[in-house]
Amino acid sequence: MTARVGCIIPSSNRMVEEEMLAAFPSGVRPHVTRLRMTGPNRGPLDAVMPRIEEATRALTDARCAVVAFHCTANSMQEGRNGEERILAAMARAGAPRATTTATAVRRAFAALGARKMVLITPYDQATTDHEAEFLHAAGFEVLEAKGFALKGSDAYCATPPAFWRERVLEAARGDAEVYFVSCANISVFSVIAELEQHLDRPVVTSNQAVVWDCVRQLRAAEGGKCPGRLFEQAAAPTHMSD
């Protein structure tokens, strides 16, 4: 039988279909819908929440068993309260199971037993620092948070994986327990295994964490085609909220 996963992503995203969708197990079919919610279209959650609910309803029409609101910055922008509001909105709209990028990332770190991290993003430093504040409030220690201020979605998509490999290696620290390369609109999958071998630490990305969280909520027998130590770990409980 085919299980279906729905992803709500920013309209400007061009990396989810290219990098992420093929990483789901063969028995899982991902479906994507878009919202205009980044760049000049970014606003407070109150403005986008009705559209999140409508997008969730559309994906449940397609019999998606898990729905993910997949935008790292937006899912973290109003802290843990904002994350919980998004999850509640998707539940109201009928999602049998729901997650956000923020939720999936927290669950991934918990499964890895990792609290001390290095954060790497394509965002400006203010957005990166805000993300670090979210992670700190969620109980993690951000040892270093480095944003590279790429100029929007076109630059995000055009930046090769080798760029992120070099940025992570430059930020290597002996006390880091995990490296988080944040953003759903960048390509990192092809360098995760190399980085993990070199650093001897897990590397988590936004796209990877959402695949992992959706697959574990489906309790799929096959883990998928994602690289990374994350997929070797026992999953955190579905009800985890801390």
Protein backbone atom coordinates (compact mmCIF):
# COMPACT_ATOMS: atom_id res chain seq x y z
CA MET A 1 0.00 0.00 0.00
CA THR A 2 1.14 3.55 -0.71
CA ALA A 3 1.44 6.05 2.14
CA ARG A 4 1.26 9.74 1.26
CA VAL A 5 3.09 12.72 2.74
CA GLY A 6 2.15 16.34 2.09
CA CYS A 7 4.66 19.20 2.18
CA ILE A 8 3.68 22.86 2.38
CA ILE A 9 6.64 24.86 1.10
CA PRO A 10 7.41 28.48 0.11
CA SER A 11 6.49 29.32 -3.47
CA SER A 12 10.09 30.32 -4.18
CA ASN A 13 11.52 26.93 -3.16
CA ARG A 14 13.12 24.95 -5.99
CA MET A 15 15.14 22.45 -3.96
CA VAL A 16 12.49 20.30 -2.27
CA GLU A 17 11.45 18.54 -5.50
CA GLU A 18 15.04 18.34 -6.76
CA GLU A 19 16.74 17.04 -3.63
CA MET A 20 14.20 15.86 -1.09
CA LEU A 21 11.31 14.06 -2.75
CA ALA A 22 13.41 11.24 -4.21
CA ALA A 23 14.73 10.50 -0.71
CA PHE A 24 11.43 9.09 0.56
CA PRO A 25 11.06 5.29 0.67
CA SER A 26 9.58 3.57 -2.37
CA GLY A 27 6.25 3.01 -0.60
CA VAL A 28 5.83 6.68 0.34
CA ARG A 29 4.53 9.24 -2.17
CA PRO A 30 5.20 12.91 -1.38
CA HIS A 31 2.85 15.69 -2.54
CA VAL A 32 3.75 19.38 -2.54
CA THR A 33 1.74 22.58 -2.33
CA ARG A 34 3.13 26.11 -2.24
CA LEU A 35 2.41 29.30 -0.31
CA ARG A 36 3.77 32.78 -0.95
CA MET A 37 5.39 33.38 2.45
CA THR A 38 9.04 34.37 2.04
CA GLY A 39 10.97 37.42 0.86
CA PRO A 40 8.55 40.28 0.08
CA ASN A 41 5.63 37.98 0.94
CA ARG A 42 6.81 37.20 4.44
CA GLY A 43 4.57 38.38 7.26
CA PRO A 44 3.41 37.43 10.73
CA LEU A 45 1.93 33.99 11.34
CA ASP A 46 -1.52 35.51 11.86
CA ALA A 47 -1.53 36.50 8.20
CA VAL A 48 -0.39 33.14 6.83
CA MET A 49 -2.24 30.83 9.24
CA PRO A 50 -5.54 30.67 7.26
CA ARG A 51 -3.54 29.74 4.15
CA ILE A 52 -1.67 27.03 6.08
CA GLU A 53 -5.03 25.55 7.07
CA GLU A 54 -6.33 25.70 3.48
CA ALA A 55 -3.15 24.08 2.14
CA THR A 56 -3.46 21.35 4.76
CA ARG A 57 -7.04 20.65 3.71
CA ALA A 58 -5.93 20.36 0.09
CA LEU A 59 -3.26 17.82 1.02
CA THR A 60 -5.64 15.80 3.17
CA ASP A 61 -7.94 15.69 0.14
CA ALA A 62 -5.09 13.73 -1.46
CA ARG A 63 -5.15 11.32 1.51
CA CYS A 64 -1.83 12.50 2.96
CA ALA A 65 -1.27 10.72 6.27
CA VAL A 66 1.36 13.24 7.39
CA VAL A 67 1.47 16.94 6.52
CA ALA A 68 4.64 18.99 7.01
CA PHE A 69 4.84 22.79 7.07
CA HIS A 70 8.31 22.93 5.57
CA CYS A 71 9.99 26.31 5.91
CA THR A 72 12.73 26.55 8.51
CA ALA A 73 12.71 30.29 9.17
CA ASN A 74 8.92 30.66 9.16
CA SER A 75 8.38 27.66 11.43
CA MET A 76 10.78 29.21 13.97
CA GLN A 77 9.92 32.89 13.54
CA GLU A 78 7.54 33.18 16.52
CA GLY A 79 9.29 30.73 18.84
CA ARG A 80 7.88 27.56 20.34
CA ASN A 81 4.46 29.19 20.65
CA GLY A 82 4.42 29.85 16.90
CA GLU A 83 5.48 26.29 16.17
CA GLU A 84 2.66 24.94 18.33
CA ARG A 85 0.15 27.26 16.66
CA ILE A 86 1.11 25.92 13.23
CA LEU A 87 0.78 22.32 14.41
CA ALA A 88 -2.61 23.11 15.95
CA ALA A 89 -3.80 24.79 12.73
CA MET A 90 -2.88 21.75 10.66
CA ALA A 91 -4.63 19.45 13.13
CA ARG A 92 -7.77 21.62 12.92
CA ALA A 93 -7.60 21.36 9.15
CA GLY A 94 -7.71 17.58 9.35
CA ALA A 95 -4.09 16.42 9.12
CA PRO A 96 -3.93 12.95 10.71
CA ARG A 97 -0.34 13.73 11.72
CA ALA A 98 1.50 17.03 11.41
CA THR A 99 5.01 18.36 11.68
CA THR A 100 6.99 21.51 10.89
CA THR A 101 10.62 21.95 9.99
CA ALA A 102 11.26 23.23 13.50
CA THR A 103 9.51 20.21 15.02
CA ALA A 104 11.37 17.75 12.81
CA VAL A 105 14.73 19.33 13.61
CA ARG A 106 14.10 19.22 17.37
CA ARG A 107 13.05 15.59 17.15
CA ALA A 108 16.14 14.76 15.06
CA PHE A 109 18.48 16.27 17.65
CA ALA A 110 16.67 14.38 20.41
CA ALA A 111 17.02 11.08 18.53
CA LEU A 112 20.72 11.75 18.07
CA GLY A 113 21.14 12.67 21.74
CA ALA A 114 22.76 15.94 20.62
CA ARG A 115 22.50 19.19 22.57
CA LYS A 116 25.58 21.17 21.49
CA MET A 117 25.51 22.31 17.88
CA VAL A 118 27.02 24.47 15.19
CA LEU A 119 24.40 26.26 13.07
CA ILE A 120 25.11 27.17 9.44
CA THR A 121 22.55 29.06 7.30
CA PRO A 122 22.28 30.97 4.02
CA TYR A 123 20.37 33.73 5.85
CA ASP A 124 21.57 37.11 7.06
CA GLN A 125 23.03 37.16 10.55
CA ALA A 126 19.91 38.63 12.18
CA THR A 127 17.73 35.76 10.89
CA THR A 128 20.42 33.26 11.84
CA ASP A 129 20.64 34.68 15.37
CA HIS A 130 16.85 34.48 15.69
CA GLU A 131 17.01 30.81 14.71
CA ALA A 132 19.74 30.27 17.30
CA GLU A 133 17.46 31.86 19.91
CA PHE A 134 14.68 29.43 18.99
CA LEU A 135 17.03 26.48 19.37
CA HIS A 136 18.37 27.80 22.68
CA ALA A 137 14.83 28.21 24.01
CA ALA A 138 14.14 24.61 22.92
CA GLY A 139 16.98 23.42 25.16
CA PHE A 140 19.94 23.27 22.79
CA GLU A 141 23.30 24.98 23.07
CA VAL A 142 24.32 26.78 19.90
CA LEU A 143 28.10 26.96 20.04
CA GLU A 144 28.35 28.98 16.85
CA ALA A 145 25.74 30.45 14.51
CA LYS A 146 27.00 31.60 11.14
CA GLY A 147 24.81 33.08 8.41
CA PHE A 148 26.20 33.76 4.94
CA ALA A 149 23.70 36.40 3.78
CA LEU A 150 23.04 34.92 0.35
CA LYS A 151 20.83 37.15 -1.79
CA GLY A 152 17.51 35.33 -1.76
CA SER A 153 16.14 32.18 -3.36
CA ASP A 154 18.05 32.43 -6.64
CA ALA A 155 21.35 32.50 -4.75
CA TYR A 156 20.22 29.75 -2.37
CA CYS A 157 19.45 27.39 -5.25
CA ALA A 158 22.55 28.29 -7.28
CA THR A 159 25.00 27.66 -4.44
CA PRO A 160 26.67 24.25 -4.94
CA PRO A 161 26.89 21.61 -2.18
CA ALA A 162 30.67 22.12 -2.08
CA PHE A 163 30.09 25.61 -0.66
CA TRP A 164 28.24 24.16 2.34
CA ARG A 165 30.82 21.42 2.75
CA GLU A 166 33.57 24.04 3.07
CA ARG A 167 31.55 26.28 5.39
CA VAL A 168 30.82 23.39 7.75
CA LEU A 169 34.45 22.27 7.78
CA GLU A 170 35.57 25.82 8.55
CA ALA A 171 33.24 25.85 11.56
CA ALA A 172 34.43 22.50 12.95
CA ARG A 173 34.67 22.37 16.75
CA GLY A 174 35.74 19.60 19.07
CA ASP A 175 32.84 20.25 21.45
CA ALA A 176 30.08 20.14 18.78
CA GLU A 177 27.75 17.15 18.97
CA VAL A 178 25.89 17.92 15.75
CA TYR A 179 26.12 20.30 12.78
CA PHE A 180 22.86 21.82 11.53
CA VAL A 181 22.79 23.21 7.98
CA SER A 182 19.51 25.08 7.93
CA CYS A 183 17.15 25.97 5.04
CA ALA A 184 14.88 23.91 2.79
CA ASN A 185 16.06 25.72 -0.36
CA ILE A 186 19.74 24.70 -0.41
CA SER A 187 21.43 21.52 -1.67
CA VAL A 188 23.45 19.59 0.92
CA PHE A 189 22.53 15.89 0.60
CA SER A 190 25.50 14.97 -1.61
CA VAL A 191 28.08 16.11 0.96
CA ILE A 192 26.49 14.85 4.20
CA ALA A 193 28.29 11.48 4.23
CA GLU A 194 31.66 13.11 3.49
CA LEU A 195 31.16 15.68 6.25
CA GLU A 196 30.11 13.08 8.80
CA GLN A 197 33.14 10.95 8.02
CA HIS A 198 35.50 13.91 8.33
CA LEU A 199 33.93 15.41 11.47
CA ASP A 200 32.87 12.14 13.14
CA ARG A 201 29.64 13.91 14.07
CA PRO A 202 26.12 13.80 12.60
CA VAL A 203 25.11 16.46 10.10
CA VAL A 204 21.42 17.42 10.01
CA THR A 205 19.76 19.50 7.29
CA SER A 206 16.24 20.90 7.08
CA ASN A 207 15.20 18.67 4.17
CA GLN A 208 16.76 15.57 5.71
CA ALA A 209 15.08 16.10 9.08
CA VAL A 210 11.61 16.49 7.52
CA VAL A 211 12.00 13.30 5.47
CA TRP A 212 13.10 11.45 8.61
CA ASP A 213 10.27 12.79 10.77
CA CYS A 214 7.57 12.04 8.19
CA VAL A 215 8.88 8.52 7.58
CA ARG A 216 9.07 7.69 11.28
CA GLN A 217 5.52 8.97 11.85
CA LEU A 218 4.37 6.61 9.12
CA ARG A 219 6.37 3.82 10.80
CA ALA A 220 7.59 2.84 7.34
CA ALA A 221 9.62 -0.35 7.24
CA GLU A 222 12.10 1.21 4.81
CA GLY A 223 13.99 4.27 6.01
CA GLY A 224 14.35 5.98 2.68
CA LYS A 225 17.30 7.08 0.62
CA CYS A 226 18.54 9.99 2.72
CA PRO A 227 22.20 10.12 3.69
CA GLY A 228 23.28 10.68 7.27
CA ARG A 229 23.63 9.14 10.71
CA LEU A 230 20.19 10.45 11.60
CA PHE A 231 18.62 7.55 9.70
CA GLU A 232 20.56 5.06 11.83
CA GLN A 233 18.97 6.29 15.06
CA ALA A 234 15.91 5.12 16.90
CA ALA A 235 13.13 7.65 16.40
CA ALA A 236 12.01 9.96 19.16
CA PRO A 237 8.42 9.41 20.38
CA THR A 238 5.78 10.87 18.09
CA HIS A 239 4.22 12.82 20.98
CA MET A 240 7.49 14.58 21.89
CA SER A 241 6.81 18.25 22.63
CA ASP A 242 9.76 19.38 24.75
